[in-house]
Amino acid sequence: MKSAMVLSLLLGAVGFLTVVTTKTSFLLVLFYQGLLRSFGHFNHDEMVGVYFLLVLAFTPCGDAFSIDSRLRKKNERPTFAYAYPILLMQLLLAWTYFSSALIKLRVAGWKYLSPDNLPSLAIFHSLDNLHDTGFRLAFWLPQVKAYLPFAVGFVLVWELLFPLAIFWRRVRWWILGVGIIFHLSTLFLMNIFFPHQLAMYLVFVNWDRLSFQKHGPSPSKT
């Protein structure tokens, strides 16, 4: 079943039989993740990827840059048909950050900004061997804990403002840039990394504009 999932994902990625492979990829990934997590545990990194697969499974994602587009006649669809799936995925990704900040404030309140909160959490994640890496930079944090509430507060504000990346292009790359720095810092300080989350930042890239700059005045649908 795992081999079938990988094959389905590969075929969907290259755009072959996308009407079928995107749907089978969604179902197989959902089932596989359920097996790994005993159908109970989830995290915001992997779940967003599952929701992305759901969006791709029911939208025309194989109309342009795909094997399908080479084998059959291209479908002429309105621009909206290609724009709204991208918007949906951007909203899903933005909601994970926004809701993460809301949950922190709802559960911990202003205590989340305590100088001891980040050092204790980071050290806790650095004392076992069940995380992605084994860095020990967390043990350096108590020496600078007086400054950590400002860093934690900055991250909270960044998470709350992440939806601006959807609607305001002037701040989009600043917000995404902070996101890259944030996820790299969690790797070294907390031994937790979210590569899938970073990969999903690609939904904010204007591929039509890149195609226009490369090929001339008739950008293709992406």
N, C-alpha and C. Protein backbone atom coordinates (compact mmCIF):
# COMPACT_ATOMS: atom_id res chain seq x y z
N MET A 1 0.83 -1.20 0.00
CA MET A 1 0.00 0.00 0.00
C MET A 1 0.87 1.26 0.00
N LYS A 2 1.99 1.20 0.73
CA LYS A 2 2.88 2.34 0.74
C LYS A 2 3.48 2.56 -0.65
N SER A 3 3.84 1.49 -1.32
CA SER A 3 4.38 1.61 -2.68
C SER A 3 3.34 2.21 -3.62
N ALA A 4 2.08 1.81 -3.45
CA ALA A 4 1.01 2.37 -4.27
C ALA A 4 0.84 3.86 -4.01
N MET A 5 0.99 4.27 -2.74
CA MET A 5 0.88 5.68 -2.40
C MET A 5 2.00 6.49 -3.04
N VAL A 6 3.23 5.98 -2.95
CA VAL A 6 4.38 6.68 -3.54
C VAL A 6 4.22 6.78 -5.05
N LEU A 7 3.79 5.69 -5.68
CA LEU A 7 3.59 5.69 -7.13
C LEU A 7 2.51 6.69 -7.51
N SER A 8 1.41 6.71 -6.77
CA SER A 8 0.32 7.64 -7.06
C SER A 8 0.78 9.09 -6.91
N LEU A 9 1.53 9.37 -5.86
CA LEU A 9 2.06 10.72 -5.66
C LEU A 9 3.01 11.12 -6.78
N LEU A 10 3.84 10.18 -7.22
CA LEU A 10 4.78 10.46 -8.30
C LEU A 10 4.04 10.77 -9.60
N LEU A 11 3.04 9.96 -9.92
CA LEU A 11 2.27 10.19 -11.15
C LEU A 11 1.50 11.51 -11.07
N GLY A 12 0.97 11.81 -9.91
CA GLY A 12 0.28 13.09 -9.75
C GLY A 12 1.21 14.27 -9.87
N ALA A 13 2.46 14.11 -9.36
CA ALA A 13 3.42 15.20 -9.41
C ALA A 13 3.84 15.52 -10.84
N VAL A 14 3.97 14.49 -11.68
CA VAL A 14 4.36 14.74 -13.07
C VAL A 14 3.15 15.03 -13.95
N GLY A 15 1.96 14.91 -13.38
CA GLY A 15 0.75 15.26 -14.12
C GLY A 15 0.29 14.20 -15.09
N PHE A 16 0.33 12.94 -14.67
CA PHE A 16 -0.14 11.85 -15.53
C PHE A 16 -1.41 11.26 -14.93
N LEU A 17 -2.49 11.26 -15.72
CA LEU A 17 -3.80 10.80 -15.24
C LEU A 17 -4.19 11.52 -13.95
N THR A 18 -4.03 12.82 -13.96
CA THR A 18 -4.22 13.60 -12.73
C THR A 18 -5.64 13.50 -12.17
N VAL A 19 -6.63 13.30 -13.03
CA VAL A 19 -8.01 13.16 -12.54
C VAL A 19 -8.11 11.99 -11.57
N VAL A 20 -7.33 10.94 -11.82
CA VAL A 20 -7.36 9.75 -10.97
C VAL A 20 -6.29 9.80 -9.90
N THR A 21 -5.05 10.10 -10.29
CA THR A 21 -3.93 9.99 -9.36
C THR A 21 -3.99 11.01 -8.22
N THR A 22 -4.55 12.20 -8.48
CA THR A 22 -4.66 13.16 -7.38
C THR A 22 -5.64 12.68 -6.31
N LYS A 23 -6.70 12.02 -6.74
CA LYS A 23 -7.69 11.52 -5.78
C LYS A 23 -7.16 10.30 -5.02
N THR A 24 -6.50 9.39 -5.73
CA THR A 24 -5.93 8.23 -5.03
C THR A 24 -4.81 8.66 -4.09
N SER A 25 -4.04 9.68 -4.48
CA SER A 25 -2.99 10.19 -3.60
C SER A 25 -3.58 10.74 -2.31
N PHE A 26 -4.65 11.50 -2.43
CA PHE A 26 -5.29 12.05 -1.24
C PHE A 26 -5.78 10.94 -0.31
N LEU A 27 -6.47 9.95 -0.86
CA LEU A 27 -7.03 8.87 -0.03
C LEU A 27 -5.92 8.02 0.60
N LEU A 28 -4.88 7.70 -0.17
CA LEU A 28 -3.81 6.86 0.36
C LEU A 28 -2.98 7.60 1.40
N VAL A 29 -2.70 8.88 1.17
CA VAL A 29 -1.94 9.65 2.16
C VAL A 29 -2.74 9.81 3.44
N LEU A 30 -4.03 10.07 3.31
CA LEU A 30 -4.89 10.20 4.48
C LEU A 30 -4.90 8.90 5.30
N PHE A 31 -5.02 7.78 4.62
CA PHE A 31 -5.04 6.50 5.31
C PHE A 31 -3.67 6.18 5.91
N TYR A 32 -2.61 6.46 5.18
CA TYR A 32 -1.26 6.17 5.66
C TYR A 32 -0.92 7.01 6.89
N GLN A 33 -1.27 8.29 6.85
CA GLN A 33 -1.03 9.15 8.00
C GLN A 33 -1.86 8.69 9.20
N GLY A 34 -3.08 8.21 8.92
CA GLY A 34 -3.89 7.69 10.01
C GLY A 34 -3.27 6.48 10.67
N LEU A 35 -2.69 5.59 9.86
CA LEU A 35 -2.00 4.43 10.42
C LEU A 35 -0.81 4.83 11.27
N LEU A 36 -0.03 5.81 10.76
CA LEU A 36 1.14 6.25 11.52
C LEU A 36 0.75 6.90 12.84
N ARG A 37 -0.38 7.61 12.84
CA ARG A 37 -0.78 8.36 14.03
C ARG A 37 -1.88 7.67 14.82
N SER A 38 -2.13 6.39 14.51
CA SER A 38 -3.18 5.63 15.20
C SER A 38 -4.54 6.31 15.09
N PHE A 39 -4.74 7.03 14.01
CA PHE A 39 -6.01 7.72 13.71
C PHE A 39 -6.43 8.66 14.85
N GLY A 40 -5.44 9.21 15.54
CA GLY A 40 -5.77 10.13 16.63
C GLY A 40 -4.91 11.38 16.68
N HIS A 41 -3.61 11.24 16.47
CA HIS A 41 -2.70 12.38 16.57
C HIS A 41 -2.54 13.06 15.22
N PHE A 42 -2.38 14.38 15.24
CA PHE A 42 -2.11 15.12 14.00
C PHE A 42 -1.28 16.33 14.36
N ASN A 43 -0.66 16.93 13.37
CA ASN A 43 0.00 18.21 13.59
C ASN A 43 -0.27 19.11 12.40
N HIS A 44 -0.04 20.40 12.61
CA HIS A 44 -0.45 21.37 11.60
C HIS A 44 0.43 21.33 10.36
N ASP A 45 1.60 20.70 10.45
CA ASP A 45 2.46 20.59 9.28
C ASP A 45 1.89 19.56 8.30
N GLU A 46 1.66 18.36 8.76
CA GLU A 46 1.21 17.29 7.88
C GLU A 46 -0.24 17.47 7.44
N MET A 47 -1.09 17.99 8.32
CA MET A 47 -2.50 18.13 7.97
C MET A 47 -2.70 19.13 6.84
N VAL A 48 -1.91 20.19 6.81
CA VAL A 48 -2.05 21.15 5.71
C VAL A 48 -1.70 20.47 4.38
N GLY A 49 -0.70 19.61 4.39
CA GLY A 49 -0.36 18.88 3.17
C GLY A 49 -1.51 18.00 2.70
N VAL A 50 -2.21 17.37 3.65
CA VAL A 50 -3.37 16.55 3.30
C VAL A 50 -4.47 17.41 2.69
N TYR A 51 -4.70 18.58 3.27
CA TYR A 51 -5.72 19.48 2.73
C TYR A 51 -5.32 19.99 1.34
N PHE A 52 -4.03 20.21 1.13
CA PHE A 52 -3.56 20.60 -0.20
C PHE A 52 -3.89 19.51 -1.22
N LEU A 53 -3.66 18.27 -0.84
CA LEU A 53 -3.98 17.16 -1.74
C LEU A 53 -5.48 17.12 -2.05
N LEU A 54 -6.29 17.44 -1.05
CA LEU A 54 -7.73 17.47 -1.27
C LEU A 54 -8.11 18.54 -2.29
N VAL A 55 -7.49 19.71 -2.19
CA VAL A 55 -7.76 20.79 -3.15
C VAL A 55 -7.34 20.36 -4.55
N LEU A 56 -6.14 19.79 -4.66
CA LEU A 56 -5.64 19.37 -5.97
C LEU A 56 -6.48 18.25 -6.58
N ALA A 57 -7.08 17.41 -5.72
CA ALA A 57 -7.84 16.26 -6.21
C ALA A 57 -9.11 16.68 -6.94
N PHE A 58 -9.62 17.86 -6.65
CA PHE A 58 -10.90 18.27 -7.24
C PHE A 58 -10.80 19.59 -7.99
N THR A 59 -9.60 19.90 -8.46
CA THR A 59 -9.39 21.10 -9.28
C THR A 59 -8.56 20.74 -10.50
N PRO A 60 -8.62 21.53 -11.56
CA PRO A 60 -7.91 21.19 -12.81
C PRO A 60 -6.42 21.49 -12.73
N CYS A 61 -5.69 20.72 -11.92
CA CYS A 61 -4.27 21.01 -11.71
C CYS A 61 -3.38 20.40 -12.78
N GLY A 62 -3.95 19.64 -13.72
CA GLY A 62 -3.12 19.02 -14.74
C GLY A 62 -3.33 19.58 -16.13
N ASP A 63 -3.79 20.82 -16.22
CA ASP A 63 -4.13 21.39 -17.53
C ASP A 63 -2.95 22.01 -18.27
N ALA A 64 -1.87 22.32 -17.58
CA ALA A 64 -0.79 23.05 -18.26
C ALA A 64 0.54 22.31 -18.16
N PHE A 65 1.23 22.46 -17.04
CA PHE A 65 2.56 21.88 -16.90
C PHE A 65 2.42 20.43 -16.44
N SER A 66 2.13 19.53 -17.36
CA SER A 66 1.87 18.13 -17.01
C SER A 66 2.00 17.26 -18.25
N ILE A 67 2.12 15.96 -17.98
CA ILE A 67 2.12 14.99 -19.09
C ILE A 67 0.75 14.95 -19.75
N ASP A 68 -0.30 15.08 -18.95
CA ASP A 68 -1.66 15.06 -19.50
C ASP A 68 -1.86 16.12 -20.56
N SER A 69 -1.30 17.31 -20.32
CA SER A 69 -1.49 18.40 -21.29
C SER A 69 -0.79 18.12 -22.60
N ARG A 70 0.22 17.25 -22.57
CA ARG A 70 0.93 16.89 -23.81
C ARG A 70 0.21 15.79 -24.57
N LEU A 71 -0.57 14.99 -23.86
CA LEU A 71 -1.21 13.83 -24.49
C LEU A 71 -2.62 14.11 -24.99
N ARG A 72 -3.22 15.17 -24.50
CA ARG A 72 -4.60 15.45 -24.91
C ARG A 72 -4.77 16.93 -25.22
N LYS A 73 -5.88 17.24 -25.82
CA LYS A 73 -6.18 18.62 -26.17
C LYS A 73 -6.39 19.45 -24.90
N LYS A 74 -5.81 20.64 -24.92
CA LYS A 74 -5.90 21.49 -23.74
C LYS A 74 -7.33 22.00 -23.55
N ASN A 75 -7.74 22.04 -22.29
CA ASN A 75 -9.06 22.58 -21.95
C ASN A 75 -8.96 24.08 -21.75
N GLU A 76 -9.86 24.79 -22.36
CA GLU A 76 -9.91 26.24 -22.17
C GLU A 76 -10.88 26.55 -21.04
N ARG A 77 -10.34 26.94 -19.93
CA ARG A 77 -11.15 27.25 -18.76
C ARG A 77 -10.95 28.72 -18.39
N PRO A 78 -11.89 29.31 -17.68
CA PRO A 78 -11.70 30.69 -17.22
C PRO A 78 -10.56 30.77 -16.20
N THR A 79 -9.94 31.94 -16.13
CA THR A 79 -8.81 32.12 -15.22
C THR A 79 -9.17 31.78 -13.78
N PHE A 80 -10.41 32.02 -13.41
CA PHE A 80 -10.86 31.75 -12.05
C PHE A 80 -10.69 30.28 -11.68
N ALA A 81 -10.82 29.39 -12.67
CA ALA A 81 -10.71 27.96 -12.40
C ALA A 81 -9.32 27.59 -11.89
N TYR A 82 -8.33 28.38 -12.26
CA TYR A 82 -6.96 28.11 -11.81
C TYR A 82 -6.56 29.00 -10.63
N ALA A 83 -7.25 30.10 -10.45
CA ALA A 83 -6.88 31.03 -9.39
C ALA A 83 -7.45 30.62 -8.03
N TYR A 84 -8.69 30.14 -8.01
CA TYR A 84 -9.31 29.87 -6.70
C TYR A 84 -8.66 28.69 -5.98
N PRO A 85 -8.16 27.62 -6.65
CA PRO A 85 -7.46 26.58 -5.88
C PRO A 85 -6.20 27.10 -5.20
N ILE A 86 -5.49 28.00 -5.89
CA ILE A 86 -4.29 28.58 -5.29
C ILE A 86 -4.67 29.42 -4.08
N LEU A 87 -5.74 30.19 -4.21
CA LEU A 87 -6.21 31.00 -3.09
C LEU A 87 -6.62 30.12 -1.92
N LEU A 88 -7.30 29.00 -2.20
CA LEU A 88 -7.70 28.09 -1.14
C LEU A 88 -6.48 27.56 -0.38
N MET A 89 -5.44 27.18 -1.10
CA MET A 89 -4.25 26.64 -0.45
C MET A 89 -3.52 27.73 0.34
N GLN A 90 -3.50 28.94 -0.19
CA GLN A 90 -2.90 30.05 0.56
C GLN A 90 -3.66 30.31 1.86
N LEU A 91 -4.99 30.26 1.79
CA LEU A 91 -5.81 30.47 2.99
C LEU A 91 -5.58 29.36 4.01
N LEU A 92 -5.47 28.13 3.54
CA LEU A 92 -5.21 27.01 4.45
C LEU A 92 -3.89 27.18 5.17
N LEU A 93 -2.86 27.56 4.43
CA LEU A 93 -1.54 27.72 5.04
C LEU A 93 -1.53 28.89 6.01
N ALA A 94 -2.15 29.99 5.62
CA ALA A 94 -2.20 31.16 6.50
C ALA A 94 -2.99 30.85 7.77
N TRP A 95 -4.06 30.06 7.63
CA TRP A 95 -4.87 29.75 8.81
C TRP A 95 -4.09 28.93 9.84
N THR A 96 -3.16 28.07 9.39
CA THR A 96 -2.39 27.27 10.34
C THR A 96 -1.55 28.17 11.25
N TYR A 97 -0.96 29.21 10.67
CA TYR A 97 -0.15 30.12 11.48
C TYR A 97 -1.05 30.99 12.36
N PHE A 98 -2.09 31.54 11.78
CA PHE A 98 -2.98 32.42 12.53
C PHE A 98 -3.63 31.67 13.70
N SER A 99 -4.15 30.47 13.44
CA SER A 99 -4.79 29.71 14.50
C SER A 99 -3.79 29.23 15.54
N SER A 100 -2.54 28.99 15.12
CA SER A 100 -1.51 28.61 16.08
C SER A 100 -1.29 29.70 17.12
N ALA A 101 -1.25 30.95 16.67
CA ALA A 101 -1.10 32.07 17.60
C ALA A 101 -2.31 32.19 18.51
N LEU A 102 -3.51 32.01 17.94
CA LEU A 102 -4.72 32.10 18.74
C LEU A 102 -4.77 31.02 19.83
N ILE A 103 -4.36 29.81 19.47
CA ILE A 103 -4.37 28.72 20.44
C ILE A 103 -3.38 28.99 21.58
N LYS A 104 -2.22 29.50 21.23
CA LYS A 104 -1.23 29.82 22.26
C LYS A 104 -1.77 30.86 23.24
N LEU A 105 -2.41 31.88 22.70
CA LEU A 105 -2.97 32.92 23.56
C LEU A 105 -4.16 32.41 24.36
N ARG A 106 -4.97 31.53 23.75
CA ARG A 106 -6.14 31.01 24.45
C ARG A 106 -5.74 30.07 25.58
N VAL A 107 -4.74 29.23 25.35
CA VAL A 107 -4.34 28.23 26.35
C VAL A 107 -3.44 28.83 27.43
N ALA A 108 -2.42 29.58 27.00
CA ALA A 108 -1.44 30.08 27.96
C ALA A 108 -1.64 31.55 28.32
N GLY A 109 -2.36 32.28 27.47
CA GLY A 109 -2.53 33.70 27.74
C GLY A 109 -1.21 34.45 27.66
N TRP A 110 -1.10 35.51 28.44
CA TRP A 110 0.13 36.30 28.42
C TRP A 110 1.30 35.57 29.07
N LYS A 111 1.01 34.46 29.78
CA LYS A 111 2.10 33.67 30.36
C LYS A 111 2.98 33.06 29.28
N TYR A 112 2.44 32.99 28.06
CA TYR A 112 3.24 32.45 26.96
C TYR A 112 4.48 33.31 26.71
N LEU A 113 4.42 34.58 27.12
CA LEU A 113 5.54 35.49 26.93
C LEU A 113 6.51 35.46 28.11
N SER A 114 6.33 34.53 29.02
CA SER A 114 7.21 34.42 30.17
C SER A 114 8.66 34.17 29.73
N PRO A 115 9.64 34.77 30.42
CA PRO A 115 11.05 34.56 30.03
C PRO A 115 11.48 33.10 30.12
N ASP A 116 10.80 32.32 30.97
CA ASP A 116 11.20 30.92 31.15
C ASP A 116 10.49 29.96 30.21
N ASN A 117 9.50 30.45 29.48
CA ASN A 117 8.69 29.55 28.66
C ASN A 117 9.49 28.93 27.53
N LEU A 118 10.10 29.74 26.69
CA LEU A 118 10.85 29.22 25.55
C LEU A 118 12.05 28.38 25.98
N PRO A 119 12.88 28.81 26.95
CA PRO A 119 14.00 27.95 27.35
C PRO A 119 13.56 26.58 27.85
N SER A 120 12.52 26.54 28.69
CA SER A 120 12.07 25.24 29.23
C SER A 120 11.52 24.36 28.12
N LEU A 121 10.77 24.94 27.19
CA LEU A 121 10.22 24.17 26.09
C LEU A 121 11.31 23.66 25.16
N ALA A 122 12.27 24.53 24.85
CA ALA A 122 13.36 24.14 23.94
C ALA A 122 14.25 23.07 24.58
N ILE A 123 14.54 23.20 25.87
CA ILE A 123 15.38 22.22 26.55
C ILE A 123 14.65 20.89 26.65
N PHE A 124 13.34 20.94 26.89
CA PHE A 124 12.54 19.71 26.95
C PHE A 124 12.65 18.94 25.64
N HIS A 125 12.60 19.66 24.52
CA HIS A 125 12.68 19.00 23.21
C HIS A 125 14.10 18.59 22.85
N SER A 126 15.07 18.99 23.67
CA SER A 126 16.47 18.67 23.38
C SER A 126 17.01 17.57 24.29
N LEU A 127 16.18 17.02 25.17
CA LEU A 127 16.64 16.04 26.14
C LEU A 127 16.34 14.60 25.73
N ASP A 128 15.76 14.40 24.55
CA ASP A 128 15.48 13.03 24.12
C ASP A 128 16.08 12.81 22.73
N ASN A 129 15.90 11.63 22.23
CA ASN A 129 16.43 11.29 20.91
C ASN A 129 15.31 10.97 19.92
N LEU A 130 14.12 11.52 20.18
CA LEU A 130 12.96 11.23 19.34
C LEU A 130 12.60 12.38 18.42
N HIS A 131 13.48 13.36 18.30
CA HIS A 131 13.21 14.50 17.44
C HIS A 131 14.07 14.45 16.18
N ASP A 132 13.85 15.42 15.31
CA ASP A 132 14.49 15.38 13.99
C ASP A 132 16.01 15.48 14.07
N THR A 133 16.50 16.25 15.02
CA THR A 133 17.95 16.47 15.13
C THR A 133 18.35 16.42 16.60
N GLY A 134 19.63 16.60 16.86
CA GLY A 134 20.14 16.53 18.23
C GLY A 134 20.95 17.74 18.63
N PHE A 135 20.55 18.93 18.17
CA PHE A 135 21.28 20.14 18.53
C PHE A 135 21.09 20.46 20.02
N ARG A 136 22.06 21.16 20.60
CA ARG A 136 22.03 21.49 22.02
C ARG A 136 22.08 23.01 22.25
N LEU A 137 21.69 23.77 21.27
CA LEU A 137 21.69 25.23 21.43
C LEU A 137 20.65 25.70 22.44
N ALA A 138 19.66 24.87 22.72
CA ALA A 138 18.62 25.26 23.67
C ALA A 138 19.19 25.56 25.05
N PHE A 139 20.28 24.89 25.42
CA PHE A 139 20.85 25.09 26.74
C PHE A 139 21.54 26.45 26.87
N TRP A 140 21.65 27.15 25.77
CA TRP A 140 22.22 28.49 25.80
C TRP A 140 21.16 29.55 26.06
N LEU A 141 19.90 29.21 25.87
CA LEU A 141 18.81 30.18 25.98
C LEU A 141 18.64 30.79 27.38
N PRO A 142 18.81 30.03 28.48
CA PRO A 142 18.64 30.67 29.79
C PRO A 142 19.55 31.87 30.03
N GLN A 143 20.68 31.93 29.33
CA GLN A 143 21.59 33.05 29.49
C GLN A 143 21.04 34.35 28.90
N VAL A 144 20.10 34.22 27.98
CA VAL A 144 19.54 35.42 27.32
C VAL A 144 18.03 35.48 27.51
N LYS A 145 17.52 34.85 28.55
CA LYS A 145 16.07 34.73 28.69
C LYS A 145 15.39 36.08 28.92
N ALA A 146 16.13 37.09 29.33
CA ALA A 146 15.52 38.41 29.52
C ALA A 146 15.05 39.01 28.20
N TYR A 147 15.66 38.58 27.10
CA TYR A 147 15.30 39.13 25.79
C TYR A 147 14.29 38.25 25.05
N LEU A 148 14.06 37.05 25.55
CA LEU A 148 13.22 36.10 24.82
C LEU A 148 11.75 36.49 24.71
N PRO A 149 11.16 37.17 25.73
CA PRO A 149 9.76 37.59 25.53
C PRO A 149 9.55 38.45 24.31
N PHE A 150 10.55 39.26 23.95
CA PHE A 150 10.43 40.10 22.76
C PHE A 150 10.44 39.23 21.49
N ALA A 151 11.32 38.22 21.49
CA ALA A 151 11.38 37.32 20.34
C ALA A 151 10.10 36.51 20.20
N VAL A 152 9.59 35.99 21.33
CA VAL A 152 8.36 35.21 21.30
C VAL A 152 7.19 36.09 20.89
N GLY A 153 7.15 37.31 21.42
CA GLY A 153 6.08 38.24 21.04
C GLY A 153 6.14 38.58 19.56
N PHE A 154 7.34 38.74 19.02
CA PHE A 154 7.49 39.01 17.59
C PHE A 154 6.93 37.86 16.76
N VAL A 155 7.21 36.62 17.18
CA VAL A 155 6.72 35.46 16.45
C VAL A 155 5.19 35.39 16.51
N LEU A 156 4.62 35.71 17.66
CA LEU A 156 3.16 35.72 17.79
C LEU A 156 2.53 36.74 16.84
N VAL A 157 3.10 37.92 16.80
CA VAL A 157 2.58 38.95 15.90
C VAL A 157 2.73 38.51 14.45
N TRP A 158 3.87 37.91 14.14
CA TRP A 158 4.09 37.41 12.77
C TRP A 158 3.05 36.37 12.38
N GLU A 159 2.73 35.45 13.29
CA GLU A 159 1.73 34.43 12.99
C GLU A 159 0.35 35.06 12.79
N LEU A 160 0.03 36.03 13.62
CA LEU A 160 -1.27 36.70 13.48
C LEU A 160 -1.38 37.49 12.18
N LEU A 161 -0.25 38.01 11.70
CA LEU A 161 -0.25 38.82 10.48
C LEU A 161 0.01 38.01 9.22
N PHE A 162 0.23 36.71 9.37
CA PHE A 162 0.56 35.89 8.19
C PHE A 162 -0.49 35.99 7.08
N PRO A 163 -1.79 36.09 7.39
CA PRO A 163 -2.77 36.22 6.30
C PRO A 163 -2.55 37.41 5.38
N LEU A 164 -1.80 38.41 5.84
CA LEU A 164 -1.51 39.56 4.96
C LEU A 164 -0.70 39.14 3.75
N ALA A 165 0.02 38.02 3.86
CA ALA A 165 0.81 37.54 2.72
C ALA A 165 -0.08 37.19 1.53
N ILE A 166 -1.35 36.92 1.79
CA ILE A 166 -2.27 36.57 0.71
C ILE A 166 -2.71 37.81 -0.06
N PHE A 167 -3.00 38.86 0.67
CA PHE A 167 -3.67 40.01 0.06
C PHE A 167 -2.76 41.23 -0.15
N TRP A 168 -1.58 41.21 0.43
CA TRP A 168 -0.70 42.39 0.33
C TRP A 168 0.68 41.94 -0.15
N ARG A 169 0.92 42.13 -1.42
CA ARG A 169 2.16 41.63 -2.02
C ARG A 169 3.40 42.34 -1.50
N ARG A 170 3.23 43.58 -1.06
CA ARG A 170 4.40 44.34 -0.59
C ARG A 170 5.03 43.71 0.65
N VAL A 171 4.22 43.05 1.48
CA VAL A 171 4.75 42.45 2.71
C VAL A 171 4.89 40.93 2.58
N ARG A 172 4.45 40.37 1.46
CA ARG A 172 4.43 38.91 1.31
C ARG A 172 5.80 38.31 1.52
N TRP A 173 6.81 38.84 0.85
CA TRP A 173 8.13 38.22 0.92
C TRP A 173 8.80 38.47 2.25
N TRP A 174 8.44 39.55 2.93
CA TRP A 174 8.93 39.77 4.29
C TRP A 174 8.36 38.71 5.22
N ILE A 175 7.05 38.46 5.10
CA ILE A 175 6.41 37.47 5.96
C ILE A 175 6.96 36.07 5.68
N LEU A 176 7.11 35.72 4.42
CA LEU A 176 7.65 34.41 4.09
C LEU A 176 9.11 34.29 4.49
N GLY A 177 9.85 35.36 4.36
CA GLY A 177 11.25 35.35 4.78
C GLY A 177 11.39 35.12 6.28
N VAL A 178 10.54 35.78 7.06
CA VAL A 178 10.53 35.55 8.51
C VAL A 178 10.17 34.10 8.79
N GLY A 179 9.25 33.54 8.00
CA GLY A 179 8.87 32.15 8.18
C GLY A 179 10.04 31.20 7.97
N ILE A 180 10.86 31.46 6.97
CA ILE A 180 12.03 30.61 6.72
C ILE A 180 12.99 30.69 7.90
N ILE A 181 13.24 31.90 8.39
CA ILE A 181 14.13 32.08 9.54
C ILE A 181 13.56 31.39 10.78
N PHE A 182 12.25 31.53 10.97
CA PHE A 182 11.59 30.93 12.13
C PHE A 182 11.74 29.41 12.13
N HIS A 183 11.46 28.78 10.99
CA HIS A 183 11.53 27.32 10.94
C HIS A 183 12.96 26.81 11.05
N LEU A 184 13.92 27.57 10.54
CA LEU A 184 15.32 27.19 10.72
C LEU A 184 15.73 27.33 12.19
N SER A 185 15.22 28.34 12.87
CA SER A 185 15.56 28.53 14.28
C SER A 185 14.97 27.40 15.13
N THR A 186 13.74 26.94 14.81
CA THR A 186 13.18 25.82 15.57
C THR A 186 13.98 24.54 15.36
N LEU A 187 14.61 24.42 14.19
CA LEU A 187 15.45 23.26 13.93
C LEU A 187 16.65 23.24 14.87
N PHE A 188 17.33 24.39 15.03
CA PHE A 188 18.55 24.44 15.83
C PHE A 188 18.28 24.58 17.33
N LEU A 189 17.17 25.24 17.68
CA LEU A 189 16.89 25.50 19.09
C LEU A 189 15.97 24.46 19.72
N MET A 190 15.05 23.87 18.93
CA MET A 190 14.08 22.95 19.48
C MET A 190 14.12 21.57 18.83
N ASN A 191 15.01 21.39 17.85
CA ASN A 191 15.14 20.11 17.14
C ASN A 191 13.83 19.69 16.47
N ILE A 192 13.05 20.68 16.06
CA ILE A 192 11.81 20.44 15.33
C ILE A 192 11.89 21.19 14.01
N PHE A 193 11.65 20.49 12.92
CA PHE A 193 11.75 21.12 11.60
C PHE A 193 10.47 20.85 10.83
N PHE A 194 10.09 21.81 9.99
CA PHE A 194 8.87 21.71 9.21
C PHE A 194 9.19 21.92 7.72
N PRO A 195 9.90 20.97 7.11
CA PRO A 195 10.25 21.15 5.69
C PRO A 195 9.03 21.18 4.78
N HIS A 196 7.99 20.41 5.14
CA HIS A 196 6.78 20.41 4.31
C HIS A 196 6.13 21.79 4.34
N GLN A 197 6.15 22.41 5.51
CA GLN A 197 5.56 23.74 5.64
C GLN A 197 6.29 24.73 4.74
N LEU A 198 7.62 24.65 4.74
CA LEU A 198 8.41 25.55 3.90
C LEU A 198 8.17 25.27 2.42
N ALA A 199 8.04 24.01 2.05
CA ALA A 199 7.79 23.67 0.66
C ALA A 199 6.45 24.24 0.19
N MET A 200 5.48 24.30 1.11
CA MET A 200 4.16 24.81 0.75
C MET A 200 4.15 26.32 0.56
N TYR A 201 5.23 27.00 0.93
CA TYR A 201 5.35 28.43 0.63
C TYR A 201 5.31 28.69 -0.87
N LEU A 202 5.58 27.66 -1.67
CA LEU A 202 5.61 27.82 -3.13
C LEU A 202 4.26 28.21 -3.70
N VAL A 203 3.18 28.02 -2.94
CA VAL A 203 1.87 28.43 -3.45
C VAL A 203 1.75 29.96 -3.52
N PHE A 204 2.69 30.67 -2.90
CA PHE A 204 2.67 32.13 -2.95
C PHE A 204 3.48 32.68 -4.12
N VAL A 205 4.18 31.81 -4.84
CA VAL A 205 4.97 32.25 -5.99
C VAL A 205 4.04 32.47 -7.17
N ASN A 206 4.19 33.60 -7.82
CA ASN A 206 3.38 33.91 -9.01
C ASN A 206 4.04 33.25 -10.22
N TRP A 207 3.65 32.00 -10.48
CA TRP A 207 4.28 31.25 -11.56
C TRP A 207 3.91 31.82 -12.92
N ASP A 208 2.74 32.42 -13.06
CA ASP A 208 2.36 33.05 -14.32
C ASP A 208 3.31 34.19 -14.67
N ARG A 209 3.66 34.97 -13.67
CA ARG A 209 4.58 36.10 -13.91
C ARG A 209 5.95 35.60 -14.31
N LEU A 210 6.42 34.53 -13.65
CA LEU A 210 7.72 33.97 -14.01
C LEU A 210 7.69 33.42 -15.43
N SER A 211 6.58 32.78 -15.81
CA SER A 211 6.44 32.25 -17.16
C SER A 211 6.40 33.38 -18.18
N PHE A 212 5.75 34.47 -17.81
CA PHE A 212 5.65 35.63 -18.70
C PHE A 212 7.04 36.23 -18.96
N GLN A 213 7.82 36.36 -17.90
CA GLN A 213 9.15 36.94 -18.04
C GLN A 213 10.07 36.05 -18.85
N LYS A 214 9.84 34.75 -18.79
CA LYS A 214 10.73 33.82 -19.49
C LYS A 214 10.35 33.60 -20.94
N HIS A 215 9.03 33.56 -21.21
CA HIS A 215 8.59 33.16 -22.55
C HIS A 215 7.97 34.27 -23.37
N GLY A 216 7.75 35.43 -22.79
CA GLY A 216 7.21 36.50 -23.59
C GLY A 216 5.81 36.90 -23.21
N PRO A 217 5.07 37.47 -24.12
CA PRO A 217 3.79 38.10 -23.79
C PRO A 217 2.59 37.19 -23.61
N SER A 218 2.76 35.84 -23.66
CA SER A 218 1.59 34.97 -23.50
C SER A 218 1.86 33.94 -22.42
N PRO A 219 1.74 34.34 -21.16
CA PRO A 219 2.01 33.40 -20.07
C PRO A 219 1.03 32.23 -20.08
N SER A 220 1.53 31.06 -19.75
CA SER A 220 0.67 29.87 -19.73
C SER A 220 0.02 29.74 -18.37
N LYS A 221 -1.08 28.98 -18.36
CA LYS A 221 -1.75 28.69 -17.10
C LYS A 221 -0.88 27.72 -16.31
N THR A 222 -0.76 27.95 -15.01
CA THR A 222 0.06 27.06 -14.19
C THR A 222 -0.77 26.53 -13.07
